[in-house]
Amino acid sequence: MEIVLFHIRTRPDINEQEYQRTFEDMMTLVSKIPGFVGIEGFSGEDGSELAIARFDSPEAIAAWRDQPEHIRTRQRGREEFFAAYDITIATVSRHYDWRLSQGGGRVGEQW
């Protein structure tokens, strides 16, 4: 499993509607990439945003990186939407998972 952390700060004069529309377009595209697992987003108290994307392999990340519309949108993001961003790509060496089942019992951990 590969994790991409995308930490961003948007520009103060951003067009929020266009930013949201562009984000939705990118979600549609990335969802079609073989090996894309999913994404979650979080907002910081300082106004920054963090997206955590999961991919099956480095090749899946490369396919997303090289997707033509994504390339154009990255440039547009630098020109219109972002004041700054930081991207970290990491390989998961271990993953633990625990959750309460619907019946109230535990669902197993992975070690």
N, C-alpha and C. Protein backbone atom coordinates (compact mmCIF):
# COMPACT_ATOMS: atom_id res chain seq x y z
N MET A 1 0.85 -1.18 0.00
CA MET A 1 0.00 0.00 0.00
C MET A 1 0.90 1.24 0.00
N GLU A 2 0.53 2.19 -0.80
CA GLU A 2 1.23 3.46 -0.90
C GLU A 2 0.28 4.58 -0.44
N ILE A 3 0.84 5.53 0.28
CA ILE A 3 0.06 6.66 0.79
C ILE A 3 0.62 7.95 0.20
N VAL A 4 -0.26 8.81 -0.28
CA VAL A 4 0.12 10.14 -0.74
C VAL A 4 -0.55 11.15 0.19
N LEU A 5 0.28 11.95 0.85
CA LEU A 5 -0.21 13.03 1.71
C LEU A 5 -0.08 14.32 0.92
N PHE A 6 -1.19 15.00 0.73
CA PHE A 6 -1.21 16.24 -0.04
C PHE A 6 -1.70 17.33 0.90
N HIS A 7 -0.76 18.13 1.43
CA HIS A 7 -1.05 19.19 2.39
C HIS A 7 -1.04 20.52 1.64
N ILE A 8 -2.16 21.23 1.67
CA ILE A 8 -2.27 22.45 0.87
C ILE A 8 -2.75 23.63 1.69
N ARG A 9 -2.41 24.78 1.17
CA ARG A 9 -2.96 26.05 1.65
C ARG A 9 -3.46 26.76 0.40
N THR A 10 -4.74 27.11 0.40
CA THR A 10 -5.32 27.78 -0.76
C THR A 10 -5.06 29.27 -0.70
N ARG A 11 -5.18 29.91 -1.86
CA ARG A 11 -5.02 31.36 -1.95
C ARG A 11 -6.20 32.06 -1.30
N PRO A 12 -5.99 33.24 -0.76
CA PRO A 12 -7.11 33.95 -0.13
C PRO A 12 -8.18 34.40 -1.14
N ASP A 13 -7.80 34.60 -2.39
CA ASP A 13 -8.75 35.09 -3.40
C ASP A 13 -9.30 33.97 -4.28
N ILE A 14 -9.30 32.74 -3.77
CA ILE A 14 -9.71 31.58 -4.54
C ILE A 14 -11.20 31.65 -4.91
N ASN A 15 -11.51 31.16 -6.10
CA ASN A 15 -12.89 30.99 -6.51
C ASN A 15 -13.33 29.62 -5.96
N GLU A 16 -14.04 29.63 -4.84
CA GLU A 16 -14.40 28.38 -4.14
C GLU A 16 -15.22 27.43 -5.01
N GLN A 17 -16.16 27.97 -5.78
CA GLN A 17 -16.99 27.11 -6.62
C GLN A 17 -16.16 26.41 -7.69
N GLU A 18 -15.24 27.13 -8.29
CA GLU A 18 -14.39 26.55 -9.34
C GLU A 18 -13.42 25.54 -8.72
N TYR A 19 -12.90 25.85 -7.55
CA TYR A 19 -12.01 24.94 -6.84
C TYR A 19 -12.74 23.63 -6.53
N GLN A 20 -13.96 23.71 -6.03
CA GLN A 20 -14.75 22.52 -5.71
C GLN A 20 -15.07 21.71 -6.96
N ARG A 21 -15.45 22.39 -8.03
CA ARG A 21 -15.76 21.70 -9.29
C ARG A 21 -14.53 20.97 -9.82
N THR A 22 -13.39 21.63 -9.76
CA THR A 22 -12.15 21.03 -10.24
C THR A 22 -11.78 19.82 -9.38
N PHE A 23 -11.96 19.94 -8.06
CA PHE A 23 -11.70 18.82 -7.16
C PHE A 23 -12.58 17.63 -7.52
N GLU A 24 -13.85 17.88 -7.76
CA GLU A 24 -14.77 16.80 -8.12
C GLU A 24 -14.38 16.14 -9.44
N ASP A 25 -13.93 16.96 -10.40
CA ASP A 25 -13.46 16.41 -11.68
C ASP A 25 -12.25 15.50 -11.46
N MET A 26 -11.32 15.92 -10.60
CA MET A 26 -10.14 15.11 -10.32
C MET A 26 -10.51 13.82 -9.59
N MET A 27 -11.50 13.88 -8.71
CA MET A 27 -11.96 12.67 -8.02
C MET A 27 -12.53 11.66 -9.01
N THR A 28 -13.27 12.15 -9.98
CA THR A 28 -13.82 11.28 -11.02
C THR A 28 -12.70 10.60 -11.79
N LEU A 29 -11.67 11.38 -12.16
CA LEU A 29 -10.55 10.83 -12.92
C LEU A 29 -9.73 9.84 -12.11
N VAL A 30 -9.36 10.20 -10.88
CA VAL A 30 -8.49 9.32 -10.09
C VAL A 30 -9.21 8.03 -9.76
N SER A 31 -10.52 8.07 -9.63
CA SER A 31 -11.29 6.86 -9.33
C SER A 31 -11.20 5.83 -10.45
N LYS A 32 -10.83 6.27 -11.65
CA LYS A 32 -10.70 5.37 -12.79
C LYS A 32 -9.29 4.77 -12.91
N ILE A 33 -8.36 5.24 -12.09
CA ILE A 33 -6.99 4.74 -12.14
C ILE A 33 -6.93 3.36 -11.48
N PRO A 34 -6.51 2.33 -12.21
CA PRO A 34 -6.36 1.02 -11.58
C PRO A 34 -5.35 1.11 -10.43
N GLY A 35 -5.74 0.61 -9.27
CA GLY A 35 -4.86 0.66 -8.10
C GLY A 35 -5.16 1.81 -7.17
N PHE A 36 -6.06 2.71 -7.54
CA PHE A 36 -6.48 3.76 -6.61
C PHE A 36 -7.43 3.13 -5.60
N VAL A 37 -7.16 3.32 -4.31
CA VAL A 37 -7.95 2.69 -3.26
C VAL A 37 -8.98 3.67 -2.69
N GLY A 38 -8.56 4.90 -2.43
CA GLY A 38 -9.49 5.87 -1.85
C GLY A 38 -8.77 7.09 -1.34
N ILE A 39 -9.57 8.07 -0.89
CA ILE A 39 -9.02 9.32 -0.41
C ILE A 39 -9.90 9.86 0.71
N GLU A 40 -9.26 10.50 1.67
CA GLU A 40 -9.96 11.18 2.75
C GLU A 40 -9.37 12.58 2.86
N GLY A 41 -10.19 13.55 3.25
CA GLY A 41 -9.71 14.92 3.39
C GLY A 41 -10.02 15.48 4.76
N PHE A 42 -9.14 16.36 5.21
CA PHE A 42 -9.27 16.98 6.53
C PHE A 42 -8.91 18.46 6.42
N SER A 43 -9.54 19.27 7.26
CA SER A 43 -9.24 20.70 7.31
C SER A 43 -8.58 21.03 8.63
N GLY A 44 -7.52 21.85 8.56
CA GLY A 44 -6.82 22.26 9.76
C GLY A 44 -7.40 23.54 10.33
N GLU A 45 -7.15 23.78 11.59
CA GLU A 45 -7.61 25.00 12.24
C GLU A 45 -7.00 26.24 11.59
N ASP A 46 -5.84 26.08 10.97
CA ASP A 46 -5.15 27.20 10.33
C ASP A 46 -5.63 27.45 8.90
N GLY A 47 -6.65 26.70 8.45
CA GLY A 47 -7.17 26.87 7.10
C GLY A 47 -6.53 25.97 6.07
N SER A 48 -5.51 25.22 6.46
CA SER A 48 -4.88 24.29 5.52
C SER A 48 -5.77 23.07 5.34
N GLU A 49 -5.47 22.29 4.31
CA GLU A 49 -6.20 21.06 4.03
C GLU A 49 -5.20 19.93 3.87
N LEU A 50 -5.61 18.73 4.25
CA LEU A 50 -4.79 17.55 4.09
C LEU A 50 -5.62 16.47 3.43
N ALA A 51 -5.12 15.95 2.31
CA ALA A 51 -5.76 14.82 1.65
C ALA A 51 -4.84 13.61 1.83
N ILE A 52 -5.44 12.48 2.18
CA ILE A 52 -4.70 11.24 2.33
C ILE A 52 -5.25 10.28 1.29
N ALA A 53 -4.44 10.02 0.27
CA ALA A 53 -4.85 9.13 -0.81
C ALA A 53 -4.11 7.80 -0.68
N ARG A 54 -4.81 6.73 -0.96
CA ARG A 54 -4.22 5.40 -0.89
C ARG A 54 -4.22 4.75 -2.28
N PHE A 55 -3.08 4.16 -2.61
CA PHE A 55 -2.91 3.46 -3.88
C PHE A 55 -2.31 2.09 -3.59
N ASP A 56 -2.55 1.13 -4.49
CA ASP A 56 -2.01 -0.22 -4.33
C ASP A 56 -0.51 -0.30 -4.58
N SER A 57 0.02 0.61 -5.43
CA SER A 57 1.42 0.45 -5.85
C SER A 57 2.00 1.78 -6.31
N PRO A 58 3.33 1.85 -6.39
CA PRO A 58 3.97 3.03 -6.97
C PRO A 58 3.55 3.24 -8.43
N GLU A 59 3.29 2.15 -9.14
CA GLU A 59 2.87 2.27 -10.54
C GLU A 59 1.50 2.96 -10.66
N ALA A 60 0.61 2.69 -9.70
CA ALA A 60 -0.70 3.36 -9.71
C ALA A 60 -0.53 4.86 -9.46
N ILE A 61 0.38 5.21 -8.56
CA ILE A 61 0.65 6.63 -8.31
C ILE A 61 1.23 7.28 -9.56
N ALA A 62 2.15 6.59 -10.22
CA ALA A 62 2.74 7.11 -11.45
C ALA A 62 1.69 7.29 -12.54
N ALA A 63 0.75 6.36 -12.63
CA ALA A 63 -0.32 6.49 -13.63
C ALA A 63 -1.15 7.73 -13.35
N TRP A 64 -1.42 8.02 -12.09
CA TRP A 64 -2.16 9.22 -11.72
C TRP A 64 -1.33 10.47 -12.01
N ARG A 65 -0.06 10.43 -11.63
CA ARG A 65 0.83 11.57 -11.86
C ARG A 65 0.90 11.92 -13.35
N ASP A 66 0.89 10.89 -14.20
CA ASP A 66 1.08 11.09 -15.64
C ASP A 66 -0.22 11.24 -16.42
N GLN A 67 -1.36 11.18 -15.75
CA GLN A 67 -2.66 11.32 -16.42
C GLN A 67 -2.74 12.73 -17.02
N PRO A 68 -2.98 12.89 -18.32
CA PRO A 68 -2.90 14.20 -18.99
C PRO A 68 -3.76 15.30 -18.36
N GLU A 69 -4.99 15.01 -18.03
CA GLU A 69 -5.84 16.05 -17.42
C GLU A 69 -5.35 16.43 -16.03
N HIS A 70 -4.81 15.46 -15.31
CA HIS A 70 -4.23 15.76 -13.99
C HIS A 70 -3.00 16.66 -14.12
N ILE A 71 -2.20 16.43 -15.14
CA ILE A 71 -1.03 17.29 -15.39
C ILE A 71 -1.48 18.73 -15.62
N ARG A 72 -2.48 18.92 -16.46
CA ARG A 72 -3.00 20.27 -16.73
C ARG A 72 -3.59 20.90 -15.48
N THR A 73 -4.29 20.11 -14.69
CA THR A 73 -4.93 20.63 -13.48
C THR A 73 -3.90 20.98 -12.42
N ARG A 74 -2.81 20.24 -12.33
CA ARG A 74 -1.74 20.60 -11.39
C ARG A 74 -1.21 21.99 -11.70
N GLN A 75 -0.98 22.27 -12.97
CA GLN A 75 -0.50 23.59 -13.37
C GLN A 75 -1.53 24.66 -13.03
N ARG A 76 -2.77 24.36 -13.31
CA ARG A 76 -3.86 25.30 -12.99
C ARG A 76 -3.92 25.55 -11.48
N GLY A 77 -3.73 24.50 -10.69
CA GLY A 77 -3.72 24.65 -9.23
C GLY A 77 -2.66 25.63 -8.77
N ARG A 78 -1.47 25.56 -9.37
CA ARG A 78 -0.40 26.49 -9.01
C ARG A 78 -0.74 27.92 -9.43
N GLU A 79 -1.45 28.05 -10.55
CA GLU A 79 -1.78 29.38 -11.06
C GLU A 79 -3.01 30.01 -10.39
N GLU A 80 -4.00 29.18 -10.00
CA GLU A 80 -5.27 29.72 -9.52
C GLU A 80 -5.64 29.40 -8.08
N PHE A 81 -5.28 28.22 -7.58
CA PHE A 81 -5.86 27.75 -6.33
C PHE A 81 -4.93 27.75 -5.13
N PHE A 82 -3.67 27.37 -5.31
CA PHE A 82 -2.81 27.10 -4.18
C PHE A 82 -1.83 28.23 -3.89
N ALA A 83 -1.70 28.55 -2.59
CA ALA A 83 -0.63 29.44 -2.13
C ALA A 83 0.62 28.59 -1.85
N ALA A 84 0.39 27.36 -1.42
CA ALA A 84 1.49 26.43 -1.14
C ALA A 84 0.94 25.02 -1.05
N TYR A 85 1.81 24.04 -1.35
CA TYR A 85 1.45 22.65 -1.09
C TYR A 85 2.70 21.83 -0.83
N ASP A 86 2.49 20.72 -0.18
CA ASP A 86 3.56 19.80 0.16
C ASP A 86 3.04 18.39 -0.09
N ILE A 87 3.78 17.59 -0.82
CA ILE A 87 3.35 16.22 -1.13
C ILE A 87 4.37 15.25 -0.54
N THR A 88 3.87 14.27 0.18
CA THR A 88 4.70 13.20 0.72
C THR A 88 4.14 11.88 0.22
N ILE A 89 5.01 11.02 -0.29
CA ILE A 89 4.61 9.69 -0.73
C ILE A 89 5.35 8.69 0.15
N ALA A 90 4.58 7.77 0.74
CA ALA A 90 5.18 6.81 1.67
C ALA A 90 4.64 5.41 1.40
N THR A 91 5.49 4.44 1.64
CA THR A 91 5.10 3.04 1.55
C THR A 91 4.70 2.57 2.94
N VAL A 92 3.57 1.92 3.03
CA VAL A 92 3.09 1.41 4.32
C VAL A 92 3.84 0.12 4.63
N SER A 93 4.54 0.10 5.74
CA SER A 93 5.25 -1.12 6.13
C SER A 93 4.42 -1.96 7.09
N ARG A 94 3.46 -1.33 7.74
CA ARG A 94 2.61 -2.04 8.68
C ARG A 94 1.30 -1.28 8.79
N HIS A 95 0.20 -2.01 8.92
CA HIS A 95 -1.11 -1.38 9.06
C HIS A 95 -1.89 -2.10 10.14
N TYR A 96 -2.46 -1.36 11.06
CA TYR A 96 -3.30 -1.93 12.12
C TYR A 96 -4.71 -1.42 11.93
N ASP A 97 -5.67 -2.28 12.17
CA ASP A 97 -7.06 -1.90 11.96
C ASP A 97 -7.90 -2.51 13.08
N TRP A 98 -8.72 -1.72 13.69
CA TRP A 98 -9.64 -2.20 14.71
C TRP A 98 -10.90 -1.36 14.64
N ARG A 99 -12.04 -2.02 14.77
CA ARG A 99 -13.29 -1.28 14.84
C ARG A 99 -14.31 -2.13 15.56
N LEU A 100 -15.25 -1.49 16.16
CA LEU A 100 -16.35 -2.15 16.82
C LEU A 100 -17.31 -2.66 15.77
N SER A 101 -17.68 -3.92 15.83
CA SER A 101 -18.62 -4.46 14.84
C SER A 101 -20.02 -3.94 15.13
N GLN A 102 -20.92 -4.09 14.17
CA GLN A 102 -22.29 -3.64 14.35
C GLN A 102 -22.99 -4.35 15.50
N GLY A 103 -22.58 -5.57 15.80
CA GLY A 103 -23.17 -6.33 16.90
C GLY A 103 -22.55 -6.03 18.26
N GLY A 104 -21.57 -5.12 18.27
CA GLY A 104 -20.96 -4.73 19.54
C GLY A 104 -19.65 -5.42 19.85
N GLY A 105 -19.31 -6.48 19.09
CA GLY A 105 -18.04 -7.18 19.32
C GLY A 105 -16.91 -6.55 18.53
N ARG A 106 -15.69 -6.97 18.81
CA ARG A 106 -14.53 -6.43 18.10
C ARG A 106 -14.35 -7.12 16.76
N VAL A 107 -13.86 -6.38 15.79
CA VAL A 107 -13.43 -6.93 14.52
C VAL A 107 -11.92 -6.97 14.57
N GLY A 108 -11.30 -8.08 14.17
CA GLY A 108 -9.89 -8.36 14.37
C GLY A 108 -8.88 -7.30 13.95
N GLU A 109 -7.72 -7.40 14.56
CA GLU A 109 -6.58 -6.55 14.23
C GLU A 109 -5.70 -7.26 13.22
N GLN A 110 -4.96 -6.48 12.44
CA GLN A 110 -3.96 -7.03 11.53
C GLN A 110 -2.60 -6.65 12.05
N TRP A 111 -1.72 -7.63 12.18
CA TRP A 111 -0.36 -7.33 12.66
C TRP A 111 0.62 -7.59 11.62
